[in-house]
Amino acid sequence: MRFLVDECTGPAVAQWLRDQSHEVFSVFEEARGMADDSILAKAYSEDWVLITNDKDFGEMVCREKRPTHGVIFLRLRDERAVSKIDAIEKLLDGHKDQLKDTFVVVTETQVRFSQV
């Protein structure tokens, strides 16, 4: 899959995804300081699924109805990279085919899907 990893999600997540043979654009590594509007526009125009832990994207996609090819919102109590990777690994193992064109909220115990 193609993932755009938001700056706040971090380079360790991006590297782990690359190690799993996914195509990755890391904002932290390649476009630090990029505005949220530009991130969402890039993800849409280049067909990336955005991975973030920034709740502003929920507002932009769900309330403002901005176009997207998918957003994975990590809403974790433990924000360490290892926790993010664990949550993404579980998500991909169980729901990889459901990520396109959805807004997914991932917690330590739950996965919620909304169509966008």
N, C-alpha and C. Protein backbone atom coordinates (compact mmCIF):
# COMPACT_ATOMS: atom_id res chain seq x y z
N MET A 1 0.84 -1.19 0.00
CA MET A 1 0.00 0.00 0.00
C MET A 1 0.87 1.24 0.00
N ARG A 2 0.21 2.36 -0.25
CA ARG A 2 0.89 3.67 -0.25
C ARG A 2 0.42 4.46 0.96
N PHE A 3 1.38 4.83 1.83
CA PHE A 3 1.05 5.56 3.04
C PHE A 3 1.82 6.87 3.09
N LEU A 4 1.10 7.94 3.43
CA LEU A 4 1.71 9.22 3.73
C LEU A 4 1.68 9.33 5.25
N VAL A 5 2.86 9.36 5.86
CA VAL A 5 2.97 9.38 7.31
C VAL A 5 3.20 10.81 7.77
N ASP A 6 2.25 11.33 8.56
CA ASP A 6 2.31 12.69 9.05
C ASP A 6 3.54 12.89 9.93
N GLU A 7 3.99 14.13 10.00
CA GLU A 7 5.18 14.47 10.78
C GLU A 7 5.06 14.04 12.24
N CYS A 8 3.90 14.27 12.84
CA CYS A 8 3.72 13.94 14.26
C CYS A 8 3.69 12.43 14.50
N THR A 9 3.44 11.66 13.49
CA THR A 9 3.43 10.20 13.63
C THR A 9 4.85 9.66 13.66
N GLY A 10 5.75 10.29 12.93
CA GLY A 10 7.16 10.05 13.10
C GLY A 10 7.86 9.13 12.11
N PRO A 11 9.18 9.26 12.06
CA PRO A 11 9.98 8.51 11.11
C PRO A 11 10.09 7.02 11.43
N ALA A 12 9.97 6.63 12.68
CA ALA A 12 10.06 5.20 13.02
C ALA A 12 8.90 4.43 12.40
N VAL A 13 7.72 5.02 12.41
CA VAL A 13 6.55 4.40 11.78
C VAL A 13 6.77 4.29 10.27
N ALA A 14 7.28 5.37 9.67
CA ALA A 14 7.55 5.35 8.23
C ALA A 14 8.55 4.26 7.88
N GLN A 15 9.60 4.14 8.65
CA GLN A 15 10.61 3.12 8.37
C GLN A 15 10.05 1.72 8.55
N TRP A 16 9.26 1.51 9.58
CA TRP A 16 8.65 0.19 9.80
C TRP A 16 7.77 -0.19 8.60
N LEU A 17 6.99 0.77 8.10
CA LEU A 17 6.14 0.50 6.94
C LEU A 17 6.97 0.15 5.71
N ARG A 18 8.06 0.87 5.52
CA ARG A 18 8.97 0.54 4.40
C ARG A 18 9.53 -0.87 4.57
N ASP A 19 9.89 -1.22 5.79
CA ASP A 19 10.42 -2.56 6.06
C ASP A 19 9.39 -3.65 5.76
N GLN A 20 8.11 -3.28 5.77
CA GLN A 20 7.03 -4.21 5.45
C GLN A 20 6.67 -4.15 3.97
N SER A 21 7.49 -3.48 3.18
CA SER A 21 7.35 -3.37 1.72
C SER A 21 6.23 -2.44 1.26
N HIS A 22 5.87 -1.47 2.07
CA HIS A 22 4.90 -0.47 1.65
C HIS A 22 5.63 0.73 1.08
N GLU A 23 4.96 1.45 0.20
CA GLU A 23 5.49 2.70 -0.33
C GLU A 23 5.12 3.80 0.64
N VAL A 24 6.09 4.63 1.01
CA VAL A 24 5.88 5.60 2.09
C VAL A 24 6.42 6.97 1.71
N PHE A 25 5.63 7.99 2.01
CA PHE A 25 6.10 9.37 2.01
C PHE A 25 6.05 9.84 3.45
N SER A 26 7.17 10.23 4.01
CA SER A 26 7.25 10.68 5.39
C SER A 26 7.38 12.20 5.43
N VAL A 27 6.38 12.86 6.00
CA VAL A 27 6.45 14.32 6.12
C VAL A 27 7.65 14.71 6.98
N PHE A 28 7.90 13.98 8.04
CA PHE A 28 9.03 14.28 8.93
C PHE A 28 10.35 14.27 8.16
N GLU A 29 10.52 13.31 7.29
CA GLU A 29 11.78 13.14 6.57
C GLU A 29 11.88 13.97 5.29
N GLU A 30 10.73 14.20 4.63
CA GLU A 30 10.77 14.78 3.29
C GLU A 30 10.15 16.16 3.14
N ALA A 31 9.36 16.60 4.13
CA ALA A 31 8.68 17.89 3.99
C ALA A 31 8.32 18.48 5.35
N ARG A 32 9.28 18.46 6.25
CA ARG A 32 9.03 18.92 7.62
C ARG A 32 8.41 20.31 7.63
N GLY A 33 7.39 20.49 8.47
CA GLY A 33 6.71 21.76 8.58
C GLY A 33 5.58 21.96 7.58
N MET A 34 5.30 20.96 6.78
CA MET A 34 4.23 21.05 5.77
C MET A 34 2.88 21.28 6.47
N ALA A 35 2.09 22.19 5.94
CA ALA A 35 0.78 22.52 6.52
C ALA A 35 -0.20 21.37 6.34
N ASP A 36 -1.13 21.24 7.29
CA ASP A 36 -2.13 20.17 7.23
C ASP A 36 -2.92 20.19 5.93
N ASP A 37 -3.31 21.37 5.47
CA ASP A 37 -4.05 21.48 4.20
C ASP A 37 -3.25 20.88 3.05
N SER A 38 -1.96 21.17 3.02
CA SER A 38 -1.10 20.66 1.96
C SER A 38 -0.89 19.16 2.08
N ILE A 39 -0.80 18.67 3.30
CA ILE A 39 -0.65 17.22 3.52
C ILE A 39 -1.87 16.49 2.98
N LEU A 40 -3.05 16.97 3.34
CA LEU A 40 -4.28 16.31 2.90
C LEU A 40 -4.43 16.39 1.38
N ALA A 41 -4.09 17.53 0.80
CA ALA A 41 -4.17 17.69 -0.66
C ALA A 41 -3.19 16.75 -1.36
N LYS A 42 -1.98 16.64 -0.84
CA LYS A 42 -0.98 15.75 -1.43
C LYS A 42 -1.44 14.30 -1.34
N ALA A 43 -1.94 13.91 -0.17
CA ALA A 43 -2.41 12.54 0.02
C ALA A 43 -3.51 12.22 -0.99
N TYR A 44 -4.42 13.15 -1.20
CA TYR A 44 -5.52 12.91 -2.13
C TYR A 44 -5.03 12.89 -3.59
N SER A 45 -4.27 13.89 -3.97
CA SER A 45 -3.87 14.00 -5.38
C SER A 45 -2.92 12.89 -5.81
N GLU A 46 -2.15 12.34 -4.86
CA GLU A 46 -1.18 11.30 -5.18
C GLU A 46 -1.61 9.92 -4.71
N ASP A 47 -2.85 9.80 -4.24
CA ASP A 47 -3.45 8.52 -3.86
C ASP A 47 -2.71 7.81 -2.71
N TRP A 48 -2.44 8.56 -1.63
CA TRP A 48 -1.85 7.99 -0.42
C TRP A 48 -2.93 7.82 0.63
N VAL A 49 -2.79 6.83 1.50
CA VAL A 49 -3.58 6.73 2.73
C VAL A 49 -2.77 7.45 3.80
N LEU A 50 -3.37 8.45 4.42
CA LEU A 50 -2.70 9.26 5.43
C LEU A 50 -2.73 8.57 6.78
N ILE A 51 -1.59 8.51 7.46
CA ILE A 51 -1.52 8.03 8.84
C ILE A 51 -1.12 9.20 9.71
N THR A 52 -1.92 9.49 10.73
CA THR A 52 -1.68 10.65 11.58
C THR A 52 -2.17 10.39 13.00
N ASN A 53 -1.70 11.20 13.92
CA ASN A 53 -2.29 11.24 15.25
C ASN A 53 -2.70 12.68 15.56
N ASP A 54 -2.95 13.45 14.52
CA ASP A 54 -3.39 14.84 14.62
C ASP A 54 -4.90 14.89 14.37
N LYS A 55 -5.65 15.24 15.41
CA LYS A 55 -7.12 15.23 15.31
C LYS A 55 -7.67 16.27 14.35
N ASP A 56 -6.87 17.24 13.93
CA ASP A 56 -7.34 18.24 12.97
C ASP A 56 -7.79 17.59 11.66
N PHE A 57 -7.21 16.46 11.30
CA PHE A 57 -7.60 15.80 10.05
C PHE A 57 -9.01 15.23 10.14
N GLY A 58 -9.45 14.86 11.33
CA GLY A 58 -10.83 14.42 11.52
C GLY A 58 -11.80 15.54 11.19
N GLU A 59 -11.49 16.73 11.66
CA GLU A 59 -12.30 17.91 11.37
C GLU A 59 -12.34 18.17 9.86
N MET A 60 -11.18 18.12 9.23
CA MET A 60 -11.09 18.43 7.81
C MET A 60 -11.84 17.41 6.95
N VAL A 61 -11.73 16.14 7.29
CA VAL A 61 -12.32 15.08 6.46
C VAL A 61 -13.78 14.85 6.81
N CYS A 62 -14.09 14.71 8.07
CA CYS A 62 -15.45 14.34 8.48
C CYS A 62 -16.42 15.52 8.51
N ARG A 63 -15.97 16.66 8.97
CA ARG A 63 -16.88 17.81 9.07
C ARG A 63 -16.85 18.70 7.84
N GLU A 64 -15.65 18.95 7.35
CA GLU A 64 -15.52 19.84 6.18
C GLU A 64 -15.65 19.09 4.87
N LYS A 65 -15.69 17.77 4.93
CA LYS A 65 -15.88 16.91 3.75
C LYS A 65 -14.78 17.08 2.70
N ARG A 66 -13.55 17.28 3.15
CA ARG A 66 -12.43 17.37 2.22
C ARG A 66 -12.16 15.99 1.63
N PRO A 67 -11.78 15.93 0.38
CA PRO A 67 -11.58 14.62 -0.26
C PRO A 67 -10.33 13.91 0.27
N THR A 68 -10.43 12.58 0.34
CA THR A 68 -9.32 11.75 0.79
C THR A 68 -9.46 10.35 0.21
N HIS A 69 -8.35 9.66 0.16
CA HIS A 69 -8.36 8.25 -0.23
C HIS A 69 -8.23 7.36 0.99
N GLY A 70 -8.28 7.97 2.16
CA GLY A 70 -8.21 7.21 3.40
C GLY A 70 -7.34 7.90 4.43
N VAL A 71 -7.80 7.83 5.69
CA VAL A 71 -7.06 8.38 6.82
C VAL A 71 -7.08 7.36 7.93
N ILE A 72 -5.91 7.09 8.49
CA ILE A 72 -5.79 6.27 9.70
C ILE A 72 -5.42 7.24 10.81
N PHE A 73 -6.34 7.43 11.75
CA PHE A 73 -6.13 8.34 12.88
C PHE A 73 -5.79 7.50 14.11
N LEU A 74 -4.56 7.65 14.59
CA LEU A 74 -4.11 6.92 15.76
C LEU A 74 -4.45 7.73 17.01
N ARG A 75 -5.37 7.20 17.77
CA ARG A 75 -5.79 7.87 19.01
C ARG A 75 -5.35 7.00 20.18
N LEU A 76 -4.07 7.07 20.48
CA LEU A 76 -3.45 6.18 21.45
C LEU A 76 -3.09 6.93 22.73
N ARG A 77 -3.23 6.28 23.85
CA ARG A 77 -2.80 6.87 25.12
C ARG A 77 -1.27 6.91 25.18
N ASP A 78 -0.64 5.88 24.68
CA ASP A 78 0.82 5.78 24.65
C ASP A 78 1.30 6.19 23.27
N GLU A 79 1.92 7.35 23.17
CA GLU A 79 2.33 7.92 21.89
C GLU A 79 3.73 7.51 21.44
N ARG A 80 4.34 6.55 22.13
CA ARG A 80 5.67 6.11 21.70
C ARG A 80 5.57 5.39 20.35
N ALA A 81 6.67 5.43 19.61
CA ALA A 81 6.70 4.83 18.27
C ALA A 81 6.33 3.36 18.31
N VAL A 82 6.80 2.63 19.31
CA VAL A 82 6.51 1.20 19.39
C VAL A 82 5.00 0.94 19.52
N SER A 83 4.30 1.81 20.22
CA SER A 83 2.85 1.67 20.36
C SER A 83 2.14 1.97 19.04
N LYS A 84 2.60 2.98 18.34
CA LYS A 84 2.02 3.31 17.04
C LYS A 84 2.22 2.16 16.05
N ILE A 85 3.43 1.63 16.04
CA ILE A 85 3.72 0.52 15.13
C ILE A 85 2.88 -0.70 15.48
N ASP A 86 2.74 -1.00 16.76
CA ASP A 86 1.92 -2.13 17.18
C ASP A 86 0.47 -1.96 16.72
N ALA A 87 -0.07 -0.76 16.89
CA ALA A 87 -1.46 -0.50 16.48
C ALA A 87 -1.63 -0.63 14.97
N ILE A 88 -0.67 -0.11 14.21
CA ILE A 88 -0.74 -0.20 12.74
C ILE A 88 -0.59 -1.64 12.29
N GLU A 89 0.30 -2.37 12.91
CA GLU A 89 0.49 -3.77 12.55
C GLU A 89 -0.80 -4.56 12.75
N LYS A 90 -1.46 -4.36 13.88
CA LYS A 90 -2.73 -5.05 14.14
C LYS A 90 -3.80 -4.62 13.13
N LEU A 91 -3.84 -3.34 12.82
CA LEU A 91 -4.80 -2.84 11.84
C LEU A 91 -4.58 -3.48 10.48
N LEU A 92 -3.35 -3.52 10.03
CA LEU A 92 -3.05 -4.09 8.72
C LEU A 92 -3.31 -5.59 8.70
N ASP A 93 -3.01 -6.28 9.78
CA ASP A 93 -3.25 -7.72 9.85
C ASP A 93 -4.74 -8.06 9.73
N GLY A 94 -5.59 -7.22 10.32
CA GLY A 94 -7.00 -7.56 10.35
C GLY A 94 -7.89 -6.81 9.39
N HIS A 95 -7.40 -5.66 8.86
CA HIS A 95 -8.31 -4.79 8.10
C HIS A 95 -7.69 -4.15 6.87
N LYS A 96 -6.60 -4.67 6.37
CA LYS A 96 -5.87 -4.04 5.27
C LYS A 96 -6.78 -3.72 4.07
N ASP A 97 -7.70 -4.59 3.75
CA ASP A 97 -8.57 -4.40 2.59
C ASP A 97 -9.67 -3.37 2.83
N GLN A 98 -9.80 -2.86 4.04
CA GLN A 98 -10.86 -1.91 4.37
C GLN A 98 -10.37 -0.48 4.52
N LEU A 99 -9.12 -0.21 4.25
CA LEU A 99 -8.54 1.10 4.55
C LEU A 99 -8.78 2.15 3.47
N LYS A 100 -8.96 1.73 2.25
CA LYS A 100 -9.12 2.67 1.14
C LYS A 100 -10.47 3.39 1.28
N ASP A 101 -10.42 4.71 1.15
CA ASP A 101 -11.62 5.56 1.16
C ASP A 101 -12.40 5.48 2.46
N THR A 102 -11.70 5.29 3.57
CA THR A 102 -12.34 5.30 4.88
C THR A 102 -11.55 6.19 5.83
N PHE A 103 -12.22 6.62 6.88
CA PHE A 103 -11.57 7.31 7.99
C PHE A 103 -11.59 6.31 9.13
N VAL A 104 -10.40 5.88 9.55
CA VAL A 104 -10.29 4.83 10.56
C VAL A 104 -9.71 5.43 11.83
N VAL A 105 -10.40 5.22 12.93
CA VAL A 105 -9.89 5.63 14.24
C VAL A 105 -9.39 4.38 14.94
N VAL A 106 -8.13 4.41 15.34
CA VAL A 106 -7.50 3.25 15.97
C VAL A 106 -7.09 3.61 17.39
N THR A 107 -7.58 2.83 18.36
CA THR A 107 -7.14 2.95 19.74
C THR A 107 -6.45 1.64 20.12
N GLU A 108 -6.01 1.56 21.36
CA GLU A 108 -5.39 0.32 21.80
C GLU A 108 -6.35 -0.87 21.77
N THR A 109 -7.64 -0.58 21.89
CA THR A 109 -8.63 -1.68 22.02
C THR A 109 -9.69 -1.70 20.94
N GLN A 110 -9.71 -0.71 20.06
CA GLN A 110 -10.83 -0.60 19.13
C GLN A 110 -10.40 -0.03 17.78
N VAL A 111 -11.12 -0.43 16.74
CA VAL A 111 -10.96 0.12 15.40
C VAL A 111 -12.35 0.52 14.92
N ARG A 112 -12.50 1.81 14.52
CA ARG A 112 -13.79 2.30 14.03
C ARG A 112 -13.62 2.84 12.62
N PHE A 113 -14.50 2.42 11.72
CA PHE A 113 -14.45 2.83 10.31
C PHE A 113 -15.62 3.76 10.00
N SER A 114 -15.31 4.81 9.23
CA SER A 114 -16.34 5.70 8.68
C SER A 114 -16.04 5.88 7.21
N GLN A 115 -17.06 5.78 6.37
CA GLN A 115 -16.87 6.05 4.94
C GLN A 115 -16.68 7.53 4.72
N VAL A 116 -15.84 7.88 3.75
CA VAL A 116 -15.61 9.30 3.44
C VAL A 116 -16.01 9.58 2.01
